[in-house]
Amino acid sequence: ADRVAGAVFGLLSLVTAVMVAAGMLATPL
């Protein structure tokens, strides 16, 4: 369970960071 929690946090952080950057660039659209 702890391994799953750590992996989900890491993957979620990476995906979220990419989406935030993309969203800020694509804001006018």
PDB file of all heavy atoms in Angstrom:
ATOM      1  N   ALA A   1       0.832  -1.205   0.000  1.00  0.00           N
ATOM      2  CA  ALA A   1       0.000   0.000   0.000  1.00  0.00           C
ATOM      3  C   ALA A   1       0.866   1.254   0.000  1.00  0.00           C
ATOM      4  O   ALA A   1       0.586   2.226  -0.710  1.00  0.00           O
ATOM      5  CB  ALA A   1      -0.925  -0.007   1.214  1.00  0.00           C
ATOM      6  N   ASP A   2       1.958   1.248   0.793  1.00  0.00           N
ATOM      7  CA  ASP A   2       2.857   2.400   0.817  1.00  0.00           C
ATOM      8  C   ASP A   2       3.540   2.602  -0.530  1.00  0.00           C
ATOM      9  O   ASP A   2       3.728   3.738  -0.990  1.00  0.00           O
ATOM     10  CB  ASP A   2       3.917   2.214   1.911  1.00  0.00           C
ATOM     11  CG  ASP A   2       3.341   2.348   3.311  1.00  0.00           C
ATOM     12  OD1 ASP A   2       2.221   2.887   3.439  1.00  0.00           O
ATOM     13  OD2 ASP A   2       4.014   1.925   4.275  1.00  0.00           O
ATOM     14  N   ARG A   3       3.940   1.485  -1.180  1.00  0.00           N
ATOM     15  CA  ARG A   3       4.560   1.612  -2.502  1.00  0.00           C
ATOM     16  C   ARG A   3       3.585   2.219  -3.508  1.00  0.00           C
ATOM     17  O   ARG A   3       3.958   3.055  -4.336  1.00  0.00           O
ATOM     18  CB  ARG A   3       5.043   0.239  -2.990  1.00  0.00           C
ATOM     19  CG  ARG A   3       6.363  -0.210  -2.392  1.00  0.00           C
ATOM     20  CD  ARG A   3       6.948  -1.388  -3.159  1.00  0.00           C
ATOM     21  NE  ARG A   3       6.181  -2.595  -2.947  1.00  0.00           N
ATOM     22  CZ  ARG A   3       6.416  -3.462  -1.965  1.00  0.00           C
ATOM     23  NH1 ARG A   3       7.411  -3.246  -1.121  1.00  0.00           N
ATOM     24  NH2 ARG A   3       5.683  -4.549  -1.827  1.00  0.00           N
ATOM     25  N   VAL A   4       2.343   1.788  -3.443  1.00  0.00           N
ATOM     26  CA  VAL A   4       1.327   2.333  -4.345  1.00  0.00           C
ATOM     27  C   VAL A   4       1.131   3.824  -4.090  1.00  0.00           C
ATOM     28  O   VAL A   4       1.054   4.632  -5.027  1.00  0.00           O
ATOM     29  CB  VAL A   4      -0.007   1.572  -4.177  1.00  0.00           C
ATOM     30  CG1 VAL A   4      -1.124   2.276  -4.929  1.00  0.00           C
ATOM     31  CG2 VAL A   4       0.129   0.143  -4.668  1.00  0.00           C
ATOM     32  N   ALA A   5       1.062   4.218  -2.812  1.00  0.00           N
ATOM     33  CA  ALA A   5       0.867   5.634  -2.475  1.00  0.00           C
ATOM     34  C   ALA A   5       2.015   6.481  -3.008  1.00  0.00           C
ATOM     35  O   ALA A   5       1.797   7.572  -3.567  1.00  0.00           O
ATOM     36  CB  ALA A   5       0.744   5.792  -0.966  1.00  0.00           C
ATOM     37  N   GLY A   6       3.257   6.000  -2.869  1.00  0.00           N
ATOM     38  CA  GLY A   6       4.403   6.756  -3.363  1.00  0.00           C
ATOM     39  C   GLY A   6       4.423   6.865  -4.875  1.00  0.00           C
ATOM     40  O   GLY A   6       4.735   7.928  -5.430  1.00  0.00           O
ATOM     41  N   ALA A   7       4.096   5.770  -5.550  1.00  0.00           N
ATOM     42  CA  ALA A   7       4.096   5.797  -7.012  1.00  0.00           C
ATOM     43  C   ALA A   7       2.996   6.697  -7.559  1.00  0.00           C
ATOM     44  O   ALA A   7       3.217   7.459  -8.513  1.00  0.00           O
ATOM     45  CB  ALA A   7       3.934   4.376  -7.555  1.00  0.00           C
ATOM     46  N   VAL A   8       1.823   6.629  -6.960  1.00  0.00           N
ATOM     47  CA  VAL A   8       0.720   7.477  -7.422  1.00  0.00           C
ATOM     48  C   VAL A   8       1.068   8.946  -7.196  1.00  0.00           C
ATOM     49  O   VAL A   8       0.802   9.802  -8.065  1.00  0.00           O
ATOM     50  CB  VAL A   8      -0.587   7.092  -6.701  1.00  0.00           C
ATOM     51  CG1 VAL A   8      -1.676   8.134  -6.971  1.00  0.00           C
ATOM     52  CG2 VAL A   8      -1.058   5.718  -7.154  1.00  0.00           C
ATOM     53  N   PHE A   9       1.676   9.269  -6.047  1.00  0.00           N
ATOM     54  CA  PHE A   9       2.065  10.665  -5.798  1.00  0.00           C
ATOM     55  C   PHE A   9       3.072  11.138  -6.841  1.00  0.00           C
ATOM     56  O   PHE A   9       2.943  12.244  -7.385  1.00  0.00           O
ATOM     57  CB  PHE A   9       2.664  10.796  -4.397  1.00  0.00           C
ATOM     58  CG  PHE A   9       3.059  12.204  -4.055  1.00  0.00           C
ATOM     59  CD1 PHE A   9       2.144  13.086  -3.492  1.00  0.00           C
ATOM     60  CD2 PHE A   9       4.348  12.669  -4.297  1.00  0.00           C
ATOM     61  CE1 PHE A   9       2.496  14.395  -3.185  1.00  0.00           C
ATOM     62  CE2 PHE A   9       4.724  13.975  -4.001  1.00  0.00           C
ATOM     63  CZ  PHE A   9       3.788  14.835  -3.436  1.00  0.00           C
ATOM     64  N   GLY A  10       4.094  10.320  -7.131  1.00  0.00           N
ATOM     65  CA  GLY A  10       5.106  10.730  -8.091  1.00  0.00           C
ATOM     66  C   GLY A  10       4.534  10.922  -9.487  1.00  0.00           C
ATOM     67  O   GLY A  10       4.805  11.937 -10.156  1.00  0.00           O
ATOM     68  N   LEU A  11       3.746   9.960  -9.933  1.00  0.00           N
ATOM     69  CA  LEU A  11       3.161  10.053 -11.269  1.00  0.00           C
ATOM     70  C   LEU A  11       2.182  11.214 -11.370  1.00  0.00           C
ATOM     71  O   LEU A  11       2.144  11.945 -12.370  1.00  0.00           O
ATOM     72  CB  LEU A  11       2.460   8.735 -11.617  1.00  0.00           C
ATOM     73  CG  LEU A  11       3.382   7.523 -11.777  1.00  0.00           C
ATOM     74  CD1 LEU A  11       2.563   6.235 -11.812  1.00  0.00           C
ATOM     75  CD2 LEU A  11       4.227   7.647 -13.049  1.00  0.00           C
ATOM     76  N   LEU A  12       1.387  11.410 -10.312  1.00  0.00           N
ATOM     77  CA  LEU A  12       0.408  12.492 -10.308  1.00  0.00           C
ATOM     78  C   LEU A  12       1.104  13.850 -10.334  1.00  0.00           C
ATOM     79  O   LEU A  12       0.665  14.776 -11.042  1.00  0.00           O
ATOM     80  CB  LEU A  12      -0.465  12.370  -9.050  1.00  0.00           C
ATOM     81  CG  LEU A  12      -1.825  13.057  -9.041  1.00  0.00           C
ATOM     82  CD1 LEU A  12      -2.713  12.518 -10.153  1.00  0.00           C
ATOM     83  CD2 LEU A  12      -2.500  12.839  -7.686  1.00  0.00           C
ATOM     84  N   SER A  13       2.206  13.979  -9.593  1.00  0.00           N
ATOM     85  CA  SER A  13       2.948  15.242  -9.572  1.00  0.00           C
ATOM     86  C   SER A  13       3.515  15.560 -10.945  1.00  0.00           C
ATOM     87  O   SER A  13       3.453  16.708 -11.413  1.00  0.00           O
ATOM     88  CB  SER A  13       4.080  15.166  -8.539  1.00  0.00           C
ATOM     89  OG  SER A  13       3.576  14.960  -7.242  1.00  0.00           O
ATOM     90  N   LEU A  14       4.063  14.540 -11.610  1.00  0.00           N
ATOM     91  CA  LEU A  14       4.647  14.762 -12.938  1.00  0.00           C
ATOM     92  C   LEU A  14       3.575  15.183 -13.940  1.00  0.00           C
ATOM     93  O   LEU A  14       3.740  16.181 -14.672  1.00  0.00           O
ATOM     94  CB  LEU A  14       5.337  13.488 -13.408  1.00  0.00           C
ATOM     95  CG  LEU A  14       5.908  13.524 -14.842  1.00  0.00           C
ATOM     96  CD1 LEU A  14       6.988  14.590 -14.948  1.00  0.00           C
ATOM     97  CD2 LEU A  14       6.464  12.155 -15.235  1.00  0.00           C
ATOM     98  N   VAL A  15       2.484  14.443 -13.990  1.00  0.00           N
ATOM     99  CA  VAL A  15       1.423  14.746 -14.950  1.00  0.00           C
ATOM    100  C   VAL A  15       0.826  16.124 -14.677  1.00  0.00           C
ATOM    101  O   VAL A  15       0.570  16.912 -15.603  1.00  0.00           O
ATOM    102  CB  VAL A  15       0.329  13.662 -14.906  1.00  0.00           C
ATOM    103  CG1 VAL A  15      -0.864  14.070 -15.769  1.00  0.00           C
ATOM    104  CG2 VAL A  15       0.883  12.339 -15.390  1.00  0.00           C
ATOM    105  N   THR A  16       0.627  16.437 -13.402  1.00  0.00           N
ATOM    106  CA  THR A  16       0.035  17.724 -13.051  1.00  0.00           C
ATOM    107  C   THR A  16       0.945  18.877 -13.455  1.00  0.00           C
ATOM    108  O   THR A  16       0.483  19.902 -13.978  1.00  0.00           O
ATOM    109  CB  THR A  16      -0.252  17.784 -11.534  1.00  0.00           C
ATOM    110  OG1 THR A  16      -1.153  16.731 -11.190  1.00  0.00           O
ATOM    111  CG2 THR A  16      -0.862  19.112 -11.151  1.00  0.00           C
ATOM    112  N   ALA A  17       2.248  18.744 -13.218  1.00  0.00           N
ATOM    113  CA  ALA A  17       3.186  19.806 -13.584  1.00  0.00           C
ATOM    114  C   ALA A  17       3.157  20.070 -15.088  1.00  0.00           C
ATOM    115  O   ALA A  17       3.160  21.226 -15.542  1.00  0.00           O
ATOM    116  CB  ALA A  17       4.597  19.434 -13.134  1.00  0.00           C
ATOM    117  N   VAL A  18       3.134  18.982 -15.870  1.00  0.00           N
ATOM    118  CA  VAL A  18       3.077  19.134 -17.334  1.00  0.00           C
ATOM    119  C   VAL A  18       1.782  19.814 -17.752  1.00  0.00           C
ATOM    120  O   VAL A  18       1.776  20.722 -18.607  1.00  0.00           O
ATOM    121  CB  VAL A  18       3.219  17.759 -18.015  1.00  0.00           C
ATOM    122  CG1 VAL A  18       2.964  17.874 -19.508  1.00  0.00           C
ATOM    123  CG2 VAL A  18       4.604  17.179 -17.758  1.00  0.00           C
ATOM    124  N   MET A  19       0.659  19.414 -17.133  1.00  0.00           N
ATOM    125  CA  MET A  19      -0.632  19.994 -17.502  1.00  0.00           C
ATOM    126  C   MET A  19      -0.727  21.466 -17.110  1.00  0.00           C
ATOM    127  O   MET A  19      -1.320  22.272 -17.830  1.00  0.00           O
ATOM    128  CB  MET A  19      -1.752  19.204 -16.829  1.00  0.00           C
ATOM    129  CG  MET A  19      -1.893  17.775 -17.326  1.00  0.00           C
ATOM    130  SD  MET A  19      -2.436  17.675 -19.044  1.00  0.00           S
ATOM    131  CE  MET A  19      -4.142  18.162 -18.883  1.00  0.00           C
ATOM    132  N   VAL A  20      -0.148  21.830 -15.962  1.00  0.00           N
ATOM    133  CA  VAL A  20      -0.157  23.239 -15.551  1.00  0.00           C
ATOM    134  C   VAL A  20       0.606  24.083 -16.561  1.00  0.00           C
ATOM    135  O   VAL A  20       0.137  25.149 -17.003  1.00  0.00           O
ATOM    136  CB  VAL A  20       0.450  23.397 -14.145  1.00  0.00           C
ATOM    137  CG1 VAL A  20       0.757  24.866 -13.847  1.00  0.00           C
ATOM    138  CG2 VAL A  20      -0.513  22.859 -13.093  1.00  0.00           C
ATOM    139  N   ALA A  21       1.803  23.615 -16.943  1.00  0.00           N
ATOM    140  CA  ALA A  21       2.608  24.360 -17.918  1.00  0.00           C
ATOM    141  C   ALA A  21       1.881  24.482 -19.260  1.00  0.00           C
ATOM    142  O   ALA A  21       1.830  25.568 -19.866  1.00  0.00           O
ATOM    143  CB  ALA A  21       3.960  23.678 -18.100  1.00  0.00           C
ATOM    144  N   ALA A  22       1.305  23.386 -19.712  1.00  0.00           N
ATOM    145  CA  ALA A  22       0.576  23.418 -20.990  1.00  0.00           C
ATOM    146  C   ALA A  22      -0.632  24.335 -20.909  1.00  0.00           C
ATOM    147  O   ALA A  22      -0.928  25.087 -21.857  1.00  0.00           O
ATOM    148  CB  ALA A  22       0.148  22.000 -21.377  1.00  0.00           C
ATOM    149  N   GLY A  23      -1.334  24.291 -19.795  1.00  0.00           N
ATOM    150  CA  GLY A  23      -2.508  25.134 -19.633  1.00  0.00           C
ATOM    151  C   GLY A  23      -2.175  26.613 -19.642  1.00  0.00           C
ATOM    152  O   GLY A  23      -2.909  27.421 -20.240  1.00  0.00           O
ATOM    153  N   MET A  24      -1.083  26.979 -19.004  1.00  0.00           N
ATOM    154  CA  MET A  24      -0.685  28.393 -18.985  1.00  0.00           C
ATOM    155  C   MET A  24      -0.299  28.876 -20.376  1.00  0.00           C
ATOM    156  O   MET A  24      -0.589  30.010 -20.758  1.00  0.00           O
ATOM    157  CB  MET A  24       0.456  28.596 -17.994  1.00  0.00           C
ATOM    158  CG  MET A  24       0.049  28.353 -16.541  1.00  0.00           C
ATOM    159  SD  MET A  24       1.411  28.526 -15.373  1.00  0.00           S
ATOM    160  CE  MET A  24       1.635  30.322 -15.408  1.00  0.00           C
ATOM    161  N   LEU A  25       0.352  28.001 -21.158  1.00  0.00           N
ATOM    162  CA  LEU A  25       0.722  28.380 -22.521  1.00  0.00           C
ATOM    163  C   LEU A  25      -0.511  28.484 -23.428  1.00  0.00           C
ATOM    164  O   LEU A  25      -0.581  29.354 -24.305  1.00  0.00           O
ATOM    165  CB  LEU A  25       1.697  27.355 -23.100  1.00  0.00           C
ATOM    166  CG  LEU A  25       3.117  27.360 -22.518  1.00  0.00           C
ATOM    167  CD1 LEU A  25       3.920  26.182 -23.071  1.00  0.00           C
ATOM    168  CD2 LEU A  25       3.827  28.680 -22.835  1.00  0.00           C
ATOM    169  N   ALA A  26      -1.482  27.614 -23.204  1.00  0.00           N
ATOM    170  CA  ALA A  26      -2.657  27.547 -24.089  1.00  0.00           C
ATOM    171  C   ALA A  26      -3.834  28.352 -23.549  1.00  0.00           C
ATOM    172  O   ALA A  26      -4.958  28.196 -24.050  1.00  0.00           O
ATOM    173  CB  ALA A  26      -3.073  26.091 -24.281  1.00  0.00           C
ATOM    174  N   THR A  27      -3.610  29.208 -22.557  1.00  0.00           N
ATOM    175  CA  THR A  27      -4.717  29.933 -21.933  1.00  0.00           C
ATOM    176  C   THR A  27      -5.581  30.708 -22.927  1.00  0.00           C
ATOM    177  O   THR A  27      -6.812  30.639 -22.858  1.00  0.00           O
ATOM    178  CB  THR A  27      -4.188  30.874 -20.836  1.00  0.00           C
ATOM    179  OG1 THR A  27      -3.655  30.082 -19.772  1.00  0.00           O
ATOM    180  CG2 THR A  27      -5.306  31.746 -20.290  1.00  0.00           C
ATOM    181  N   PRO A  28      -5.009  31.476 -23.868  1.00  0.00           N
ATOM    182  CA  PRO A  28      -5.891  32.210 -24.807  1.00  0.00           C
ATOM    183  C   PRO A  28      -6.838  31.290 -25.567  1.00  0.00           C
ATOM    184  O   PRO A  28      -8.020  31.611 -25.753  1.00  0.00           O
ATOM    185  CB  PRO A  28      -4.893  32.902 -25.747  1.00  0.00           C
ATOM    186  CG  PRO A  28      -3.652  33.050 -24.928  1.00  0.00           C
ATOM    187  CD  PRO A  28      -3.591  31.799 -24.096  1.00  0.00           C
ATOM    188  N   LEU A  29      -6.324  30.134 -26.007  1.00  0.00           N
ATOM    189  CA  LEU A  29      -7.165  29.187 -26.737  1.00  0.00           C
ATOM    190  C   LEU A  29      -8.265  28.641 -25.827  1.00  0.00           C
ATOM    191  O   LEU A  29      -9.433  28.521 -26.244  1.00  0.00           O
ATOM    192  CB  LEU A  29      -6.317  28.040 -27.281  1.00  0.00           C
ATOM    193  CG  LEU A  29      -7.069  26.895 -27.976  1.00  0.00           C
ATOM    194  CD1 LEU A  29      -7.805  27.419 -29.201  1.00  0.00           C
ATOM    195  CD2 LEU A  29      -6.102  25.785 -28.368  1.00  0.00           C
TER     196      LEU A  29
END
